[in-house]
């Protein structure tokens, strides 16, 4: 799992049938302190996240498909939580 920020929403008039009714969001991974790194990528939203939200992402295909209860969906990343706060020894947010 990883921490990321939602940076946008993807709109598609045509998409794989397994994506019908699902929201695709653009996300960018970041450190717990909020420093972005790496490229942006797409994730299916399972928790009604929005642009600007910090989220937890499961970025592993098999686990992502299990979370969506769909063995056939072509997905690698799923947003599984919206972060309210992070408490960790040494830093707070």
N, C-alpha and C. Protein backbone atom coordinates (compact mmCIF):
# COMPACT_ATOMS: atom_id res chain seq x y z
N UNK A 1 0.85 -1.18 0.00
CA UNK A 1 0.00 0.00 0.00
C UNK A 1 0.88 1.23 0.00
N UNK A 2 0.30 2.32 -0.46
CA UNK A 2 1.05 3.57 -0.56
C UNK A 2 0.13 4.75 -0.29
N UNK A 3 0.76 5.89 -0.01
CA UNK A 3 0.05 7.15 0.18
C UNK A 3 0.18 7.95 -1.11
N UNK A 4 -0.91 8.61 -1.51
CA UNK A 4 -0.91 9.42 -2.72
C UNK A 4 -1.90 10.57 -2.56
N UNK A 5 -1.82 11.52 -3.47
CA UNK A 5 -2.80 12.59 -3.56
C UNK A 5 -3.52 12.48 -4.90
N UNK A 6 -4.83 12.67 -4.86
CA UNK A 6 -5.62 12.67 -6.09
C UNK A 6 -5.39 14.00 -6.79
N UNK A 7 -4.94 13.93 -8.05
CA UNK A 7 -4.63 15.15 -8.80
C UNK A 7 -5.61 15.42 -9.93
N UNK A 8 -6.48 14.45 -10.23
CA UNK A 8 -7.42 14.68 -11.31
C UNK A 8 -8.38 13.51 -11.48
N UNK A 9 -9.32 13.70 -12.40
CA UNK A 9 -10.31 12.68 -12.73
C UNK A 9 -10.19 12.37 -14.21
N UNK A 10 -10.28 11.09 -14.55
CA UNK A 10 -10.23 10.69 -15.95
C UNK A 10 -11.66 10.46 -16.44
N UNK A 11 -11.99 11.07 -17.57
CA UNK A 11 -13.30 10.88 -18.18
C UNK A 11 -13.10 10.13 -19.49
N UNK A 12 -13.90 9.09 -19.72
CA UNK A 12 -13.78 8.29 -20.94
C UNK A 12 -15.17 7.95 -21.47
N UNK A 13 -15.40 8.27 -22.73
CA UNK A 13 -16.70 7.96 -23.31
C UNK A 13 -16.79 6.48 -23.67
N UNK A 14 -15.65 5.85 -23.93
CA UNK A 14 -15.61 4.42 -24.20
C UNK A 14 -14.57 3.80 -23.29
N UNK A 15 -14.95 2.71 -22.63
CA UNK A 15 -14.00 2.04 -21.75
C UNK A 15 -14.36 0.57 -21.63
N UNK A 16 -13.46 -0.19 -21.08
CA UNK A 16 -13.67 -1.62 -20.88
C UNK A 16 -14.96 -1.82 -20.09
N UNK A 17 -15.78 -2.78 -20.47
CA UNK A 17 -17.07 -2.99 -19.79
C UNK A 17 -16.95 -3.17 -18.27
N UNK A 18 -15.84 -3.73 -17.80
CA UNK A 18 -15.66 -3.93 -16.35
C UNK A 18 -15.50 -2.61 -15.60
N UNK A 19 -15.20 -1.52 -16.32
CA UNK A 19 -15.04 -0.22 -15.68
C UNK A 19 -16.35 0.57 -15.63
N UNK A 20 -17.42 0.05 -16.21
CA UNK A 20 -18.70 0.75 -16.18
C UNK A 20 -19.13 1.00 -14.73
N UNK A 21 -19.51 2.24 -14.45
CA UNK A 21 -19.96 2.61 -13.11
C UNK A 21 -18.84 2.87 -12.13
N UNK A 22 -17.59 2.82 -12.58
CA UNK A 22 -16.46 3.04 -11.70
C UNK A 22 -15.77 4.36 -12.06
N UNK A 23 -15.24 5.02 -11.06
CA UNK A 23 -14.54 6.29 -11.27
C UNK A 23 -13.04 6.03 -11.32
N UNK A 24 -12.39 6.59 -12.33
CA UNK A 24 -10.94 6.50 -12.47
C UNK A 24 -10.33 7.84 -12.08
N UNK A 25 -9.42 7.81 -11.13
CA UNK A 25 -8.78 9.03 -10.66
C UNK A 25 -7.29 9.01 -10.97
N UNK A 26 -6.74 10.19 -11.21
CA UNK A 26 -5.31 10.37 -11.43
C UNK A 26 -4.69 10.65 -10.07
N UNK A 27 -3.64 9.90 -9.72
CA UNK A 27 -3.01 10.04 -8.41
C UNK A 27 -1.51 10.13 -8.56
N UNK A 28 -0.86 10.68 -7.52
CA UNK A 28 0.60 10.73 -7.48
C UNK A 28 1.06 10.32 -6.11
N UNK A 29 1.96 9.35 -6.07
CA UNK A 29 2.48 8.85 -4.80
C UNK A 29 3.26 9.96 -4.07
N UNK A 30 3.25 9.88 -2.74
CA UNK A 30 3.99 10.86 -1.93
C UNK A 30 4.45 10.22 -0.63
N UNK A 31 5.37 10.90 0.01
CA UNK A 31 5.86 10.46 1.30
C UNK A 31 4.81 10.77 2.36
N UNK A 32 4.90 10.16 3.54
CA UNK A 32 3.95 10.50 4.61
C UNK A 32 3.97 11.99 4.97
N UNK A 33 5.10 12.64 4.73
CA UNK A 33 5.19 14.08 5.00
C UNK A 33 4.54 14.92 3.91
N UNK A 34 4.18 14.30 2.79
CA UNK A 34 3.48 15.01 1.72
C UNK A 34 4.33 15.40 0.52
N UNK A 35 5.56 14.93 0.45
CA UNK A 35 6.42 15.25 -0.69
C UNK A 35 6.12 14.30 -1.84
N UNK A 36 5.65 14.82 -2.99
CA UNK A 36 5.33 13.95 -4.12
C UNK A 36 6.59 13.38 -4.77
N UNK A 37 6.46 12.17 -5.31
CA UNK A 37 7.55 11.58 -6.07
C UNK A 37 6.97 10.59 -7.06
N UNK A 38 7.75 10.29 -8.07
CA UNK A 38 7.33 9.31 -9.07
C UNK A 38 6.28 9.88 -10.02
N UNK A 39 5.92 9.07 -11.00
CA UNK A 39 4.95 9.51 -12.00
C UNK A 39 3.51 9.42 -11.49
N UNK A 40 2.62 10.12 -12.15
CA UNK A 40 1.20 9.96 -11.86
C UNK A 40 0.72 8.66 -12.49
N UNK A 41 -0.37 8.11 -11.96
CA UNK A 41 -0.95 6.90 -12.50
C UNK A 41 -2.44 6.89 -12.19
N UNK A 42 -3.16 5.94 -12.76
CA UNK A 42 -4.60 5.84 -12.57
C UNK A 42 -4.94 4.82 -11.49
N UNK A 43 -5.99 5.11 -10.74
CA UNK A 43 -6.49 4.17 -9.74
C UNK A 43 -8.01 4.21 -9.75
N UNK A 44 -8.64 3.07 -9.54
CA UNK A 44 -10.09 3.02 -9.41
C UNK A 44 -10.45 3.48 -8.01
N UNK A 45 -11.44 4.33 -7.92
CA UNK A 45 -11.89 4.86 -6.64
C UNK A 45 -12.93 3.94 -6.01
N UNK A 46 -12.62 3.42 -4.82
CA UNK A 46 -13.56 2.56 -4.11
C UNK A 46 -14.15 3.24 -2.88
N UNK A 47 -13.79 4.53 -2.65
CA UNK A 47 -14.21 5.20 -1.41
C UNK A 47 -14.73 6.62 -1.62
N UNK A 48 -15.04 6.99 -2.85
CA UNK A 48 -15.55 8.32 -3.18
C UNK A 48 -14.57 9.43 -2.82
N UNK A 49 -13.31 9.25 -3.19
CA UNK A 49 -12.29 10.28 -3.01
C UNK A 49 -12.48 11.36 -4.05
N UNK A 50 -11.82 12.50 -3.85
CA UNK A 50 -11.92 13.60 -4.80
C UNK A 50 -10.58 14.27 -4.99
N UNK A 51 -10.51 15.15 -5.96
CA UNK A 51 -9.28 15.88 -6.26
C UNK A 51 -8.82 16.61 -5.01
N UNK A 52 -7.54 16.47 -4.69
CA UNK A 52 -6.95 17.10 -3.52
C UNK A 52 -6.90 16.20 -2.29
N UNK A 53 -7.67 15.12 -2.30
CA UNK A 53 -7.65 14.20 -1.16
C UNK A 53 -6.35 13.41 -1.11
N UNK A 54 -5.86 13.20 0.11
CA UNK A 54 -4.76 12.26 0.32
C UNK A 54 -5.40 10.90 0.57
N UNK A 55 -4.86 9.89 -0.08
CA UNK A 55 -5.51 8.58 -0.06
C UNK A 55 -4.50 7.46 0.17
N UNK A 56 -5.03 6.30 0.54
CA UNK A 56 -4.24 5.07 0.61
C UNK A 56 -4.61 4.25 -0.62
N UNK A 57 -3.59 3.74 -1.29
CA UNK A 57 -3.79 2.98 -2.52
C UNK A 57 -3.20 1.59 -2.38
N UNK A 58 -3.96 0.61 -2.81
CA UNK A 58 -3.45 -0.74 -2.96
C UNK A 58 -3.03 -0.85 -4.41
N UNK A 59 -1.75 -1.00 -4.66
CA UNK A 59 -1.24 -1.05 -6.04
C UNK A 59 -0.64 -2.43 -6.31
N UNK A 60 -1.49 -3.41 -6.33
CA UNK A 60 -1.10 -4.79 -6.63
C UNK A 60 -2.31 -5.45 -7.25
N UNK A 61 -2.19 -5.89 -8.47
CA UNK A 61 -3.33 -6.36 -9.25
C UNK A 61 -4.23 -7.37 -8.58
N UNK A 62 -3.67 -8.46 -8.07
CA UNK A 62 -4.52 -9.50 -7.47
C UNK A 62 -5.31 -8.97 -6.28
N UNK A 63 -4.64 -8.25 -5.40
CA UNK A 63 -5.33 -7.68 -4.24
C UNK A 63 -6.36 -6.64 -4.66
N UNK A 64 -6.03 -5.84 -5.66
CA UNK A 64 -6.98 -4.84 -6.15
C UNK A 64 -8.24 -5.50 -6.68
N UNK A 65 -8.08 -6.57 -7.42
CA UNK A 65 -9.25 -7.29 -7.95
C UNK A 65 -10.08 -7.90 -6.83
N UNK A 66 -9.42 -8.41 -5.78
CA UNK A 66 -10.15 -8.94 -4.63
C UNK A 66 -10.97 -7.85 -3.94
N UNK A 67 -10.39 -6.66 -3.80
CA UNK A 67 -11.10 -5.56 -3.15
C UNK A 67 -12.33 -5.15 -3.94
N UNK A 68 -12.28 -5.28 -5.25
CA UNK A 68 -13.41 -4.93 -6.10
C UNK A 68 -14.35 -6.11 -6.33
N UNK A 69 -13.97 -7.25 -5.80
CA UNK A 69 -14.76 -8.48 -5.94
C UNK A 69 -15.04 -8.80 -7.41
N UNK A 70 -13.98 -8.70 -8.23
CA UNK A 70 -14.11 -8.94 -9.67
C UNK A 70 -12.79 -9.52 -10.18
N UNK A 71 -12.75 -10.82 -10.39
CA UNK A 71 -11.53 -11.49 -10.84
C UNK A 71 -11.14 -11.15 -12.28
N UNK A 72 -12.05 -10.54 -13.03
CA UNK A 72 -11.81 -10.28 -14.44
C UNK A 72 -11.45 -8.83 -14.76
N UNK A 73 -11.56 -7.92 -13.79
CA UNK A 73 -11.33 -6.50 -14.08
C UNK A 73 -9.84 -6.24 -14.31
N UNK A 74 -9.49 -5.54 -15.38
CA UNK A 74 -8.08 -5.25 -15.67
C UNK A 74 -7.60 -4.02 -14.88
N UNK A 75 -7.23 -4.26 -13.63
CA UNK A 75 -6.87 -3.15 -12.75
C UNK A 75 -5.61 -3.48 -11.97
N UNK A 76 -4.86 -2.43 -11.67
CA UNK A 76 -3.65 -2.60 -10.85
C UNK A 76 -3.76 -1.82 -9.55
N UNK A 77 -4.46 -0.68 -9.54
CA UNK A 77 -4.47 0.18 -8.36
C UNK A 77 -5.89 0.57 -7.96
N UNK A 78 -6.17 0.48 -6.66
CA UNK A 78 -7.48 0.84 -6.11
C UNK A 78 -7.28 1.76 -4.92
N UNK A 79 -8.06 2.84 -4.89
CA UNK A 79 -8.06 3.74 -3.73
C UNK A 79 -8.94 3.10 -2.66
N UNK A 80 -8.34 2.83 -1.48
CA UNK A 80 -9.04 2.09 -0.45
C UNK A 80 -9.36 2.92 0.80
N UNK A 81 -8.82 4.14 0.91
CA UNK A 81 -9.10 4.98 2.07
C UNK A 81 -8.76 6.42 1.75
N UNK A 82 -9.52 7.34 2.37
CA UNK A 82 -9.19 8.76 2.35
C UNK A 82 -8.56 9.07 3.69
N UNK A 83 -7.38 9.69 3.68
CA UNK A 83 -6.63 9.95 4.90
C UNK A 83 -7.14 11.21 5.58
N UNK A 84 -7.47 11.08 6.86
CA UNK A 84 -7.84 12.24 7.67
C UNK A 84 -6.60 12.81 8.36
N UNK A 85 -5.78 11.92 8.88
CA UNK A 85 -4.59 12.35 9.62
C UNK A 85 -3.63 11.17 9.70
N UNK A 86 -2.35 11.47 9.78
CA UNK A 86 -1.34 10.44 9.99
C UNK A 86 -0.60 10.76 11.27
N UNK A 87 -0.57 9.83 12.21
CA UNK A 87 0.21 9.96 13.43
C UNK A 87 1.29 8.89 13.39
N UNK A 88 2.50 9.32 13.60
CA UNK A 88 3.62 8.38 13.58
C UNK A 88 4.70 8.96 14.47
N UNK A 89 5.37 8.10 15.21
CA UNK A 89 6.43 8.57 16.08
C UNK A 89 7.45 9.37 15.28
N UNK A 90 7.69 10.58 15.71
CA UNK A 90 8.67 11.42 15.02
C UNK A 90 8.03 12.50 14.16
N UNK A 91 6.79 12.32 13.73
CA UNK A 91 6.11 13.35 12.95
C UNK A 91 4.60 13.17 13.07
N UNK A 92 3.91 14.24 12.91
CA UNK A 92 2.44 14.24 12.92
C UNK A 92 1.96 15.06 11.74
N UNK A 93 0.81 14.71 11.27
CA UNK A 93 0.22 15.49 10.17
C UNK A 93 -1.26 15.63 10.42
